[in-house]
Amino acid sequence: MSDREGQILRDRRLELGLTQEQVALDLGMSIHQYQRYEYGEHKISNCPMRIGLRICAVLELDPYELVFGRDNDI
């Protein structure tokens, strides 16, 4: 998996001790739908804001840092 966003999602999920199934359940989506984000098939930066913010809330991530990275200035 070379996608930066997907790797961040995976790493954070594992840090929190969650399975993909648990995250998907919390998000109200199928595991297959969530896996597409984690595997980089769908990008958080291109998804509807509501879904991206829900993923960030469940995984306790800063949406700005996930999409733009820590070193990006506005």
PDB file of N, CA and C in Angstrom:
ATOM      1  N   MET A   1       0.849  -1.177   0.000  1.00  0.00           N
ATOM      2  CA  MET A   1       0.000   0.000   0.000  1.00  0.00           C
ATOM      3  C   MET A   1       0.894   1.239   0.000  1.00  0.00           C
ATOM      4  N   SER A   2       0.860   2.002  -1.060  1.00  0.00           N
ATOM      5  CA  SER A   2       1.731   3.164  -1.155  1.00  0.00           C
ATOM      6  C   SER A   2       0.983   4.464  -0.931  1.00  0.00           C
ATOM      7  N   ASP A   3      -0.338   4.429  -0.854  1.00  0.00           N
ATOM      8  CA  ASP A   3      -1.133   5.622  -0.674  1.00  0.00           C
ATOM      9  C   ASP A   3      -0.932   6.179   0.735  1.00  0.00           C
ATOM     10  N   ARG A   4      -0.512   7.446   0.824  1.00  0.00           N
ATOM     11  CA  ARG A   4      -0.227   8.068   2.127  1.00  0.00           C
ATOM     12  C   ARG A   4      -1.466   8.125   3.011  1.00  0.00           C
ATOM     13  N   GLU A   5      -2.597   8.581   2.456  1.00  0.00           N
ATOM     14  CA  GLU A   5      -3.826   8.675   3.244  1.00  0.00           C
ATOM     15  C   GLU A   5      -4.252   7.301   3.763  1.00  0.00           C
ATOM     16  N   GLY A   6      -4.229   6.317   2.891  1.00  0.00           N
ATOM     17  CA  GLY A   6      -4.612   4.970   3.295  1.00  0.00           C
ATOM     18  C   GLY A   6      -3.706   4.413   4.377  1.00  0.00           C
ATOM     19  N   GLN A   7      -2.424   4.687   4.265  1.00  0.00           N
ATOM     20  CA  GLN A   7      -1.469   4.214   5.277  1.00  0.00           C
ATOM     21  C   GLN A   7      -1.731   4.879   6.622  1.00  0.00           C
ATOM     22  N   ILE A   8      -2.064   6.165   6.600  1.00  0.00           N
ATOM     23  CA  ILE A   8      -2.389   6.875   7.840  1.00  0.00           C
ATOM     24  C   ILE A   8      -3.623   6.249   8.487  1.00  0.00           C
ATOM     25  N   LEU A   9      -4.651   5.969   7.680  1.00  0.00           N
ATOM     26  CA  LEU A   9      -5.864   5.348   8.217  1.00  0.00           C
ATOM     27  C   LEU A   9      -5.543   3.998   8.848  1.00  0.00           C
ATOM     28  N   ARG A  10      -4.783   3.184   8.140  1.00  0.00           N
ATOM     29  CA  ARG A  10      -4.430   1.853   8.646  1.00  0.00           C
ATOM     30  C   ARG A  10      -3.625   1.946   9.937  1.00  0.00           C
ATOM     31  N   ASP A  11      -2.591   2.797   9.919  1.00  0.00           N
ATOM     32  CA  ASP A  11      -1.739   2.936  11.109  1.00  0.00           C
ATOM     33  C   ASP A  11      -2.544   3.405  12.318  1.00  0.00           C
ATOM     34  N   ARG A  12      -3.416   4.385  12.105  1.00  0.00           N
ATOM     35  CA  ARG A  12      -4.210   4.917  13.219  1.00  0.00           C
ATOM     36  C   ARG A  12      -5.204   3.872  13.723  1.00  0.00           C
ATOM     37  N   ARG A  13      -5.830   3.145  12.814  1.00  0.00           N
ATOM     38  CA  ARG A  13      -6.767   2.089  13.218  1.00  0.00           C
ATOM     39  C   ARG A  13      -6.066   1.059  14.089  1.00  0.00           C
ATOM     40  N   LEU A  14      -4.855   0.675  13.677  1.00  0.00           N
ATOM     41  CA  LEU A  14      -4.098  -0.300  14.463  1.00  0.00           C
ATOM     42  C   LEU A  14      -3.662   0.282  15.806  1.00  0.00           C
ATOM     43  N   GLU A  15      -3.286   1.558  15.834  1.00  0.00           N
ATOM     44  CA  GLU A  15      -2.935   2.220  17.101  1.00  0.00           C
ATOM     45  C   GLU A  15      -4.095   2.172  18.086  1.00  0.00           C
ATOM     46  N   LEU A  16      -5.298   2.338  17.568  1.00  0.00           N
ATOM     47  CA  LEU A  16      -6.490   2.332  18.411  1.00  0.00           C
ATOM     48  C   LEU A  16      -6.969   0.916  18.728  1.00  0.00           C
ATOM     49  N   GLY A  17      -6.331  -0.091  18.122  1.00  0.00           N
ATOM     50  CA  GLY A  17      -6.693  -1.475  18.384  1.00  0.00           C
ATOM     51  C   GLY A  17      -8.023  -1.872  17.773  1.00  0.00           C
ATOM     52  N   LEU A  18      -8.364  -1.258  16.656  1.00  0.00           N
ATOM     53  CA  LEU A  18      -9.631  -1.536  15.996  1.00  0.00           C
ATOM     54  C   LEU A  18      -9.434  -2.400  14.754  1.00  0.00           C
ATOM     55  N   THR A  19     -10.441  -3.173  14.435  1.00  0.00           N
ATOM     56  CA  THR A  19     -10.431  -3.925  13.180  1.00  0.00           C
ATOM     57  C   THR A  19     -11.107  -3.076  12.107  1.00  0.00           C
ATOM     58  N   GLN A  20     -10.905  -3.452  10.855  1.00  0.00           N
ATOM     59  CA  GLN A  20     -11.593  -2.764   9.772  1.00  0.00           C
ATOM     60  C   GLN A  20     -13.100  -2.894   9.945  1.00  0.00           C
ATOM     61  N   GLU A  21     -13.535  -4.031  10.409  1.00  0.00           N
ATOM     62  CA  GLU A  21     -14.961  -4.261  10.609  1.00  0.00           C
ATOM     63  C   GLU A  21     -15.530  -3.317  11.676  1.00  0.00           C
ATOM     64  N   GLN A  22     -14.796  -3.117  12.764  1.00  0.00           N
ATOM     65  CA  GLN A  22     -15.260  -2.218  13.817  1.00  0.00           C
ATOM     66  C   GLN A  22     -15.370  -0.785  13.302  1.00  0.00           C
ATOM     67  N   VAL A  23     -14.369  -0.354  12.550  1.00  0.00           N
ATOM     68  CA  VAL A  23     -14.393   1.004  12.001  1.00  0.00           C
ATOM     69  C   VAL A  23     -15.569   1.157  11.043  1.00  0.00           C
ATOM     70  N   ALA A  24     -15.740   0.199  10.159  1.00  0.00           N
ATOM     71  CA  ALA A  24     -16.842   0.257   9.198  1.00  0.00           C
ATOM     72  C   ALA A  24     -18.184   0.307   9.916  1.00  0.00           C
ATOM     73  N   LEU A  25     -18.344  -0.480  10.954  1.00  0.00           N
ATOM     74  CA  LEU A  25     -19.583  -0.493  11.720  1.00  0.00           C
ATOM     75  C   LEU A  25     -19.840   0.872  12.351  1.00  0.00           C
ATOM     76  N   ASP A  26     -18.806   1.458  12.948  1.00  0.00           N
ATOM     77  CA  ASP A  26     -18.938   2.789  13.540  1.00  0.00           C
ATOM     78  C   ASP A  26     -19.284   3.846  12.494  1.00  0.00           C
ATOM     79  N   LEU A  27     -18.815   3.642  11.267  1.00  0.00           N
ATOM     80  CA  LEU A  27     -19.075   4.587  10.185  1.00  0.00           C
ATOM     81  C   LEU A  27     -20.427   4.368   9.524  1.00  0.00           C
ATOM     82  N   GLY A  28     -21.025   3.221   9.767  1.00  0.00           N
ATOM     83  CA  GLY A  28     -22.294   2.899   9.130  1.00  0.00           C
ATOM     84  C   GLY A  28     -22.128   2.546   7.664  1.00  0.00           C
ATOM     85  N   MET A  29     -20.974   1.953   7.333  1.00  0.00           N
ATOM     86  CA  MET A  29     -20.741   1.529   5.953  1.00  0.00           C
ATOM     87  C   MET A  29     -20.249   0.087   5.959  1.00  0.00           C
ATOM     88  N   SER A  30     -20.250  -0.515   4.801  1.00  0.00           N
ATOM     89  CA  SER A  30     -19.771  -1.899   4.719  1.00  0.00           C
ATOM     90  C   SER A  30     -18.247  -1.921   4.882  1.00  0.00           C
ATOM     91  N   ILE A  31     -17.744  -3.056   5.303  1.00  0.00           N
ATOM     92  CA  ILE A  31     -16.298  -3.198   5.454  1.00  0.00           C
ATOM     93  C   ILE A  31     -15.603  -2.969   4.113  1.00  0.00           C
ATOM     94  N   HIS A  32     -16.229  -3.432   3.042  1.00  0.00           N
ATOM     95  CA  HIS A  32     -15.641  -3.262   1.711  1.00  0.00           C
ATOM     96  C   HIS A  32     -15.518  -1.774   1.353  1.00  0.00           C
ATOM     97  N   GLN A  33     -16.529  -0.994   1.692  1.00  0.00           N
ATOM     98  CA  GLN A  33     -16.462   0.445   1.427  1.00  0.00           C
ATOM     99  C   GLN A  33     -15.309   1.081   2.197  1.00  0.00           C
ATOM    100  N   TYR A  34     -15.170   0.731   3.482  1.00  0.00           N
ATOM    101  CA  TYR A  34     -14.085   1.299   4.279  1.00  0.00           C
ATOM    102  C   TYR A  34     -12.726   0.850   3.749  1.00  0.00           C
ATOM    103  N   GLN A  35     -12.609  -0.415   3.389  1.00  0.00           N
ATOM    104  CA  GLN A  35     -11.339  -0.928   2.882  1.00  0.00           C
ATOM    105  C   GLN A  35     -10.865  -0.141   1.668  1.00  0.00           C
ATOM    106  N   ARG A  36     -11.756   0.319   0.855  1.00  0.00           N
ATOM    107  CA  ARG A  36     -11.368   1.106  -0.322  1.00  0.00           C
ATOM    108  C   ARG A  36     -10.611   2.370   0.071  1.00  0.00           C
ATOM    109  N   TYR A  37     -10.982   2.968   1.183  1.00  0.00           N
ATOM    110  CA  TYR A  37     -10.249   4.151   1.665  1.00  0.00           C
ATOM    111  C   TYR A  37      -8.890   3.737   2.218  1.00  0.00           C
ATOM    112  N   GLU A  38      -8.879   2.684   3.010  1.00  0.00           N
ATOM    113  CA  GLU A  38      -7.634   2.248   3.634  1.00  0.00           C
ATOM    114  C   GLU A  38      -6.647   1.707   2.599  1.00  0.00           C
ATOM    115  N   TYR A  39      -7.140   1.056   1.556  1.00  0.00           N
ATOM    116  CA  TYR A  39      -6.275   0.506   0.519  1.00  0.00           C
ATOM    117  C   TYR A  39      -5.910   1.536  -0.544  1.00  0.00           C
ATOM    118  N   GLY A  40      -6.444   2.742  -0.428  1.00  0.00           N
ATOM    119  CA  GLY A  40      -6.089   3.804  -1.355  1.00  0.00           C
ATOM    120  C   GLY A  40      -6.876   3.795  -2.659  1.00  0.00           C
ATOM    121  N   GLU A  41      -7.908   2.956  -2.750  1.00  0.00           N
ATOM    122  CA  GLU A  41      -8.736   2.939  -3.955  1.00  0.00           C
ATOM    123  C   GLU A  41      -9.615   4.188  -4.029  1.00  0.00           C
ATOM    124  N   HIS A  42     -10.003   4.692  -2.865  1.00  0.00           N
ATOM    125  CA  HIS A  42     -10.733   5.961  -2.756  1.00  0.00           C
ATOM    126  C   HIS A  42      -9.920   6.859  -1.842  1.00  0.00           C
ATOM    127  N   LYS A  43      -9.796   8.118  -2.208  1.00  0.00           N
ATOM    128  CA  LYS A  43      -9.020   9.059  -1.401  1.00  0.00           C
ATOM    129  C   LYS A  43      -9.942   9.884  -0.513  1.00  0.00           C
ATOM    130  N   ILE A  44      -9.527  10.067   0.723  1.00  0.00           N
ATOM    131  CA  ILE A  44     -10.272  10.908   1.649  1.00  0.00           C
ATOM    132  C   ILE A  44     -10.399  12.319   1.076  1.00  0.00           C
ATOM    133  N   SER A  45      -9.343  12.801   0.447  1.00  0.00           N
ATOM    134  CA  SER A  45      -9.351  14.160  -0.086  1.00  0.00           C
ATOM    135  C   SER A  45     -10.353  14.348  -1.227  1.00  0.00           C
ATOM    136  N   ASN A  46     -10.859  13.253  -1.793  1.00  0.00           N
ATOM    137  CA  ASN A  46     -11.837  13.334  -2.885  1.00  0.00           C
ATOM    138  C   ASN A  46     -13.235  12.864  -2.479  1.00  0.00           C
ATOM    139  N   CYS A  47     -13.408  12.435  -1.253  1.00  0.00           N
ATOM    140  CA  CYS A  47     -14.703  11.910  -0.849  1.00  0.00           C
ATOM    141  C   CYS A  47     -15.598  13.040  -0.344  1.00  0.00           C
ATOM    142  N   PRO A  48     -16.900  12.777  -0.221  1.00  0.00           N
ATOM    143  CA  PRO A  48     -17.787  13.791   0.355  1.00  0.00           C
ATOM    144  C   PRO A  48     -17.316  14.188   1.759  1.00  0.00           C
ATOM    145  N   MET A  49     -17.424  15.460   2.071  1.00  0.00           N
ATOM    146  CA  MET A  49     -16.930  15.966   3.352  1.00  0.00           C
ATOM    147  C   MET A  49     -17.518  15.205   4.539  1.00  0.00           C
ATOM    148  N   ARG A  50     -18.797  14.889   4.460  1.00  0.00           N
ATOM    149  CA  ARG A  50     -19.453  14.194   5.566  1.00  0.00           C
ATOM    150  C   ARG A  50     -18.785  12.852   5.858  1.00  0.00           C
ATOM    151  N   ILE A  51     -18.442  12.116   4.817  1.00  0.00           N
ATOM    152  CA  ILE A  51     -17.788  10.815   5.002  1.00  0.00           C
ATOM    153  C   ILE A  51     -16.374  11.010   5.542  1.00  0.00           C
ATOM    154  N   GLY A  52     -15.633  11.936   4.957  1.00  0.00           N
ATOM    155  CA  GLY A  52     -14.267  12.194   5.423  1.00  0.00           C
ATOM    156  C   GLY A  52     -14.219  12.605   6.882  1.00  0.00           C
ATOM    157  N   LEU A  53     -15.132  13.473   7.283  1.00  0.00           N
ATOM    158  CA  LEU A  53     -15.164  13.910   8.677  1.00  0.00           C
ATOM    159  C   LEU A  53     -15.578  12.782   9.610  1.00  0.00           C
ATOM    160  N   ARG A  54     -16.483  11.919   9.165  1.00  0.00           N
ATOM    161  CA  ARG A  54     -16.865  10.770   9.986  1.00  0.00           C
ATOM    162  C   ARG A  54     -15.688   9.826  10.184  1.00  0.00           C
ATOM    163  N   ILE A  55     -14.937   9.572   9.120  1.00  0.00           N
ATOM    164  CA  ILE A  55     -13.763   8.702   9.232  1.00  0.00           C
ATOM    165  C   ILE A  55     -12.762   9.312  10.206  1.00  0.00           C
ATOM    166  N   CYS A  56     -12.520  10.608  10.083  1.00  0.00           N
ATOM    167  CA  CYS A  56     -11.585  11.282  10.980  1.00  0.00           C
ATOM    168  C   CYS A  56     -12.066  11.231  12.427  1.00  0.00           C
ATOM    169  N   ALA A  57     -13.368  11.383  12.650  1.00  0.00           N
ATOM    170  CA  ALA A  57     -13.907  11.328  14.010  1.00  0.00           C
ATOM    171  C   ALA A  57     -13.723   9.946  14.619  1.00  0.00           C
ATOM    172  N   VAL A  58     -14.056   8.901  13.853  1.00  0.00           N
ATOM    173  CA  VAL A  58     -13.933   7.535  14.375  1.00  0.00           C
ATOM    174  C   VAL A  58     -12.479   7.199  14.687  1.00  0.00           C
ATOM    175  N   LEU A  59     -11.566   7.650  13.819  1.00  0.00           N
ATOM    176  CA  LEU A  59     -10.147   7.324  14.015  1.00  0.00           C
ATOM    177  C   LEU A  59      -9.386   8.405  14.787  1.00  0.00           C
ATOM    178  N   GLU A  60     -10.120   9.420  15.251  1.00  0.00           N
ATOM    179  CA  GLU A  60      -9.538  10.498  16.050  1.00  0.00           C
ATOM    180  C   GLU A  60      -8.356  11.146  15.327  1.00  0.00           C
ATOM    181  N   LEU A  61      -8.606  11.534  14.072  1.00  0.00           N
ATOM    182  CA  LEU A  61      -7.589  12.167  13.235  1.00  0.00           C
ATOM    183  C   LEU A  61      -7.981  13.604  12.930  1.00  0.00           C
ATOM    184  N   ASP A  62      -6.987  14.456  12.739  1.00  0.00           N
ATOM    185  CA  ASP A  62      -7.208  15.830  12.309  1.00  0.00           C
ATOM    186  C   ASP A  62      -7.420  15.800  10.797  1.00  0.00           C
ATOM    187  N   PRO A  63      -8.593  16.208  10.308  1.00  0.00           N
ATOM    188  CA  PRO A  63      -8.862  16.138   8.867  1.00  0.00           C
ATOM    189  C   PRO A  63      -7.857  16.933   8.031  1.00  0.00           C
ATOM    190  N   TYR A  64      -7.448  18.089   8.509  1.00  0.00           N
ATOM    191  CA  TYR A  64      -6.498  18.913   7.767  1.00  0.00           C
ATOM    192  C   TYR A  64      -5.173  18.182   7.598  1.00  0.00           C
ATOM    193  N   GLU A  65      -4.662  17.599   8.681  1.00  0.00           N
ATOM    194  CA  GLU A  65      -3.389  16.880   8.609  1.00  0.00           C
ATOM    195  C   GLU A  65      -3.494  15.644   7.726  1.00  0.00           C
ATOM    196  N   LEU A  66      -4.637  14.970   7.762  1.00  0.00           N
ATOM    197  CA  LEU A  66      -4.807  13.778   6.929  1.00  0.00           C
ATOM    198  C   LEU A  66      -4.750  14.132   5.451  1.00  0.00           C
ATOM    199  N   VAL A  67      -5.437  15.190   5.069  1.00  0.00           N
ATOM    200  CA  VAL A  67      -5.526  15.549   3.657  1.00  0.00           C
ATOM    201  C   VAL A  67      -4.281  16.290   3.172  1.00  0.00           C
ATOM    202  N   PHE A  68      -3.793  17.223   3.972  1.00  0.00           N
ATOM    203  CA  PHE A  68      -2.695  18.083   3.511  1.00  0.00           C
ATOM    204  C   PHE A  68      -1.335  17.763   4.107  1.00  0.00           C
ATOM    205  N   GLY A  69      -1.285  16.976   5.163  1.00  0.00           N
ATOM    206  CA  GLY A  69      -0.021  16.662   5.803  1.00  0.00           C
ATOM    207  C   GLY A  69       0.303  17.669   6.893  1.00  0.00           C
ATOM    208  N   ARG A  70       1.240  17.339   7.715  1.00  0.00           N
ATOM    209  CA  ARG A  70       1.590  18.185   8.869  1.00  0.00           C
ATOM    210  C   ARG A  70       2.381  19.433   8.483  1.00  0.00           C
ATOM    211  N   ASP A  71       3.146  19.363   7.422  1.00  0.00           N
ATOM    212  CA  ASP A  71       4.071  20.447   7.093  1.00  0.00           C
ATOM    213  C   ASP A  71       3.508  21.461   6.117  1.00  0.00           C
ATOM    214  N   ASN A  72       2.245  21.324   5.730  1.00  0.00           N
ATOM    215  CA  ASN A  72       1.656  22.230   4.749  1.00  0.00           C
ATOM    216  C   ASN A  72       1.162  23.493   5.403  1.00  0.00           C
ATOM    217  N   ASP A  73       1.528  24.625   4.865  1.00  0.00           N
ATOM    218  CA  ASP A  73       1.038  25.914   5.328  1.00  0.00           C
ATOM    219  C   ASP A  73      -0.031  26.411   4.371  1.00  0.00           C
ATOM    220  N   ILE A  74      -0.968  27.167   4.895  1.00  0.00           N
ATOM    221  CA  ILE A  74      -1.999  27.760   4.036  1.00  0.00           C
ATOM    222  C   ILE A  74      -1.468  29.039   3.449  1.00  0.00           C
TER     223      ILE A  74
END
